[in-house]
Amino acid sequence: MDSSLPHRTPGASGHEPGVPGPEHGVPSRELRERAAGGWERFLRRFAGERPDREDEE
């Protein structure tokens, strides 16, 4: 079998991903910010204050 196309190694396209994907087991920035807001609401409730209604969506 004679081919006029050059031999190509699988996976050697030279394409580099621009933004690395998230690592497994590492929470996203959005999730960390959401958790921080929930923690602050929890602490306010524990202190007897009313939570802000505009934060909850």
N, C-alpha and C. Protein backbone atom coordinates (compact mmCIF):
# COMPACT_ATOMS: atom_id res chain seq x y z
N MET A 1 0.86 -1.17 0.00
CA MET A 1 0.00 0.00 0.00
C MET A 1 0.90 1.23 0.00
N ASP A 2 0.84 1.98 -1.07
CA ASP A 2 1.66 3.18 -1.21
C ASP A 2 0.77 4.41 -1.02
N SER A 3 1.16 5.29 -0.14
CA SER A 3 0.37 6.48 0.14
C SER A 3 1.18 7.73 -0.17
N SER A 4 0.53 8.72 -0.76
CA SER A 4 1.23 9.96 -1.06
C SER A 4 1.18 10.94 0.13
N LEU A 5 0.43 10.58 1.15
CA LEU A 5 0.34 11.44 2.33
C LEU A 5 1.49 11.12 3.30
N PRO A 6 1.99 12.12 3.99
CA PRO A 6 3.07 11.87 4.95
C PRO A 6 2.57 11.07 6.15
N HIS A 7 3.45 10.34 6.78
CA HIS A 7 3.12 9.56 7.97
C HIS A 7 2.84 10.52 9.13
N ARG A 8 1.78 10.27 9.85
CA ARG A 8 1.39 11.14 10.97
C ARG A 8 1.33 10.32 12.24
N THR A 9 1.96 10.82 13.28
CA THR A 9 1.92 10.18 14.58
C THR A 9 0.62 10.59 15.28
N PRO A 10 -0.15 9.65 15.81
CA PRO A 10 -1.40 10.02 16.50
C PRO A 10 -1.14 10.99 17.65
N GLY A 11 -1.95 12.04 17.71
CA GLY A 11 -1.84 13.02 18.78
C GLY A 11 -0.78 14.07 18.55
N ALA A 12 -0.13 14.06 17.43
CA ALA A 12 0.94 15.02 17.18
C ALA A 12 0.46 16.18 16.31
N SER A 13 -0.73 16.68 16.57
CA SER A 13 -1.27 17.76 15.75
C SER A 13 -0.61 19.10 16.06
N GLY A 14 0.02 19.21 17.21
CA GLY A 14 0.64 20.46 17.61
C GLY A 14 -0.33 21.42 18.26
N HIS A 15 -1.58 21.01 18.40
CA HIS A 15 -2.59 21.88 19.01
C HIS A 15 -2.38 21.94 20.52
N GLU A 16 -2.25 23.15 21.03
CA GLU A 16 -2.10 23.36 22.47
C GLU A 16 -3.39 23.98 23.00
N PRO A 17 -3.99 23.41 24.02
CA PRO A 17 -5.20 24.02 24.58
C PRO A 17 -4.88 25.39 25.19
N GLY A 18 -5.74 26.38 24.91
CA GLY A 18 -5.51 27.73 25.41
C GLY A 18 -5.73 27.86 26.90
N VAL A 19 -6.84 27.35 27.38
CA VAL A 19 -7.17 27.44 28.80
C VAL A 19 -7.19 26.03 29.35
N PRO A 20 -6.40 25.76 30.37
CA PRO A 20 -6.39 24.40 30.92
C PRO A 20 -7.74 24.07 31.56
N GLY A 21 -8.14 22.84 31.43
CA GLY A 21 -9.39 22.39 32.03
C GLY A 21 -9.27 22.31 33.54
N PRO A 22 -10.40 22.27 34.22
CA PRO A 22 -10.34 22.19 35.68
C PRO A 22 -9.77 20.85 36.13
N GLU A 23 -9.03 20.89 37.21
CA GLU A 23 -8.47 19.66 37.76
C GLU A 23 -9.56 18.93 38.53
N HIS A 24 -9.48 17.64 38.58
CA HIS A 24 -10.46 16.84 39.30
C HIS A 24 -10.32 17.09 40.80
N GLY A 25 -11.44 17.31 41.45
CA GLY A 25 -11.43 17.50 42.90
C GLY A 25 -11.15 18.92 43.34
N VAL A 26 -10.98 19.86 42.40
CA VAL A 26 -10.70 21.25 42.75
C VAL A 26 -11.95 22.07 42.43
N PRO A 27 -12.55 22.73 43.43
CA PRO A 27 -13.77 23.50 43.15
C PRO A 27 -13.47 24.72 42.29
N SER A 28 -14.45 25.08 41.47
CA SER A 28 -14.28 26.24 40.59
C SER A 28 -14.35 27.53 41.41
N ARG A 29 -13.88 28.60 40.82
CA ARG A 29 -13.92 29.90 41.49
C ARG A 29 -15.36 30.30 41.81
N GLU A 30 -16.27 30.05 40.86
CA GLU A 30 -17.69 30.38 41.07
C GLU A 30 -18.25 29.62 42.27
N LEU A 31 -17.91 28.35 42.39
CA LEU A 31 -18.40 27.55 43.51
C LEU A 31 -17.83 28.05 44.83
N ARG A 32 -16.56 28.42 44.85
CA ARG A 32 -15.95 28.94 46.08
C ARG A 32 -16.61 30.25 46.50
N GLU A 33 -16.89 31.14 45.54
CA GLU A 33 -17.55 32.42 45.86
C GLU A 33 -18.96 32.18 46.39
N ARG A 34 -19.68 31.24 45.77
CA ARG A 34 -21.03 30.93 46.22
C ARG A 34 -21.01 30.34 47.64
N ALA A 35 -20.05 29.48 47.90
CA ALA A 35 -19.92 28.89 49.23
C ALA A 35 -19.58 29.94 50.27
N ALA A 36 -18.73 30.90 49.92
CA ALA A 36 -18.37 31.96 50.86
C ALA A 36 -19.59 32.79 51.21
N GLY A 37 -20.42 33.09 50.21
CA GLY A 37 -21.66 33.84 50.47
C GLY A 37 -22.60 33.07 51.38
N GLY A 38 -22.72 31.77 51.16
CA GLY A 38 -23.56 30.93 52.01
C GLY A 38 -23.03 30.87 53.44
N TRP A 39 -21.73 30.82 53.59
CA TRP A 39 -21.12 30.79 54.92
C TRP A 39 -21.40 32.10 55.66
N GLU A 40 -21.30 33.23 54.95
CA GLU A 40 -21.59 34.52 55.58
C GLU A 40 -23.05 34.60 56.00
N ARG A 41 -23.98 34.10 55.18
CA ARG A 41 -25.40 34.08 55.56
C ARG A 41 -25.61 33.20 56.79
N PHE A 42 -24.94 32.05 56.82
CA PHE A 42 -25.05 31.15 57.97
C PHE A 42 -24.59 31.84 59.25
N LEU A 43 -23.45 32.54 59.17
CA LEU A 43 -22.94 33.22 60.36
C LEU A 43 -23.89 34.34 60.82
N ARG A 44 -24.50 35.06 59.88
CA ARG A 44 -25.46 36.10 60.25
C ARG A 44 -26.67 35.49 60.94
N ARG A 45 -27.15 34.37 60.42
CA ARG A 45 -28.30 33.71 61.04
C ARG A 45 -27.95 33.21 62.44
N PHE A 46 -26.76 32.69 62.58
CA PHE A 46 -26.31 32.21 63.89
C PHE A 46 -26.23 33.37 64.88
N ALA A 47 -25.84 34.55 64.40
CA ALA A 47 -25.73 35.72 65.26
C ALA A 47 -27.09 36.36 65.52
N GLY A 48 -28.14 35.87 64.87
CA GLY A 48 -29.48 36.39 65.11
C GLY A 48 -29.89 37.49 64.16
N GLU A 49 -29.09 37.76 63.16
CA GLU A 49 -29.44 38.79 62.18
C GLU A 49 -30.28 38.16 61.07
N ARG A 50 -31.02 39.01 60.37
CA ARG A 50 -31.79 38.54 59.23
C ARG A 50 -30.89 38.49 58.01
N PRO A 51 -31.01 37.46 57.18
CA PRO A 51 -30.19 37.39 55.95
C PRO A 51 -30.66 38.41 54.92
N ASP A 52 -29.76 38.82 54.06
CA ASP A 52 -30.12 39.73 52.97
C ASP A 52 -30.92 38.96 51.93
N ARG A 53 -32.07 39.49 51.58
CA ARG A 53 -32.91 38.82 50.60
C ARG A 53 -32.42 39.05 49.18
N GLU A 54 -31.71 40.15 48.91
CA GLU A 54 -31.26 40.44 47.56
C GLU A 54 -30.13 39.52 47.12
N ASP A 55 -29.43 38.86 48.07
CA ASP A 55 -28.35 37.94 47.72
C ASP A 55 -28.90 36.63 47.18
N GLU A 56 -30.10 36.25 47.62
CA GLU A 56 -30.65 34.95 47.25
C GLU A 56 -31.38 35.06 45.92
N GLU A 57 -31.07 34.15 45.02
CA GLU A 57 -31.73 34.14 43.71
C GLU A 57 -32.28 32.80 43.41
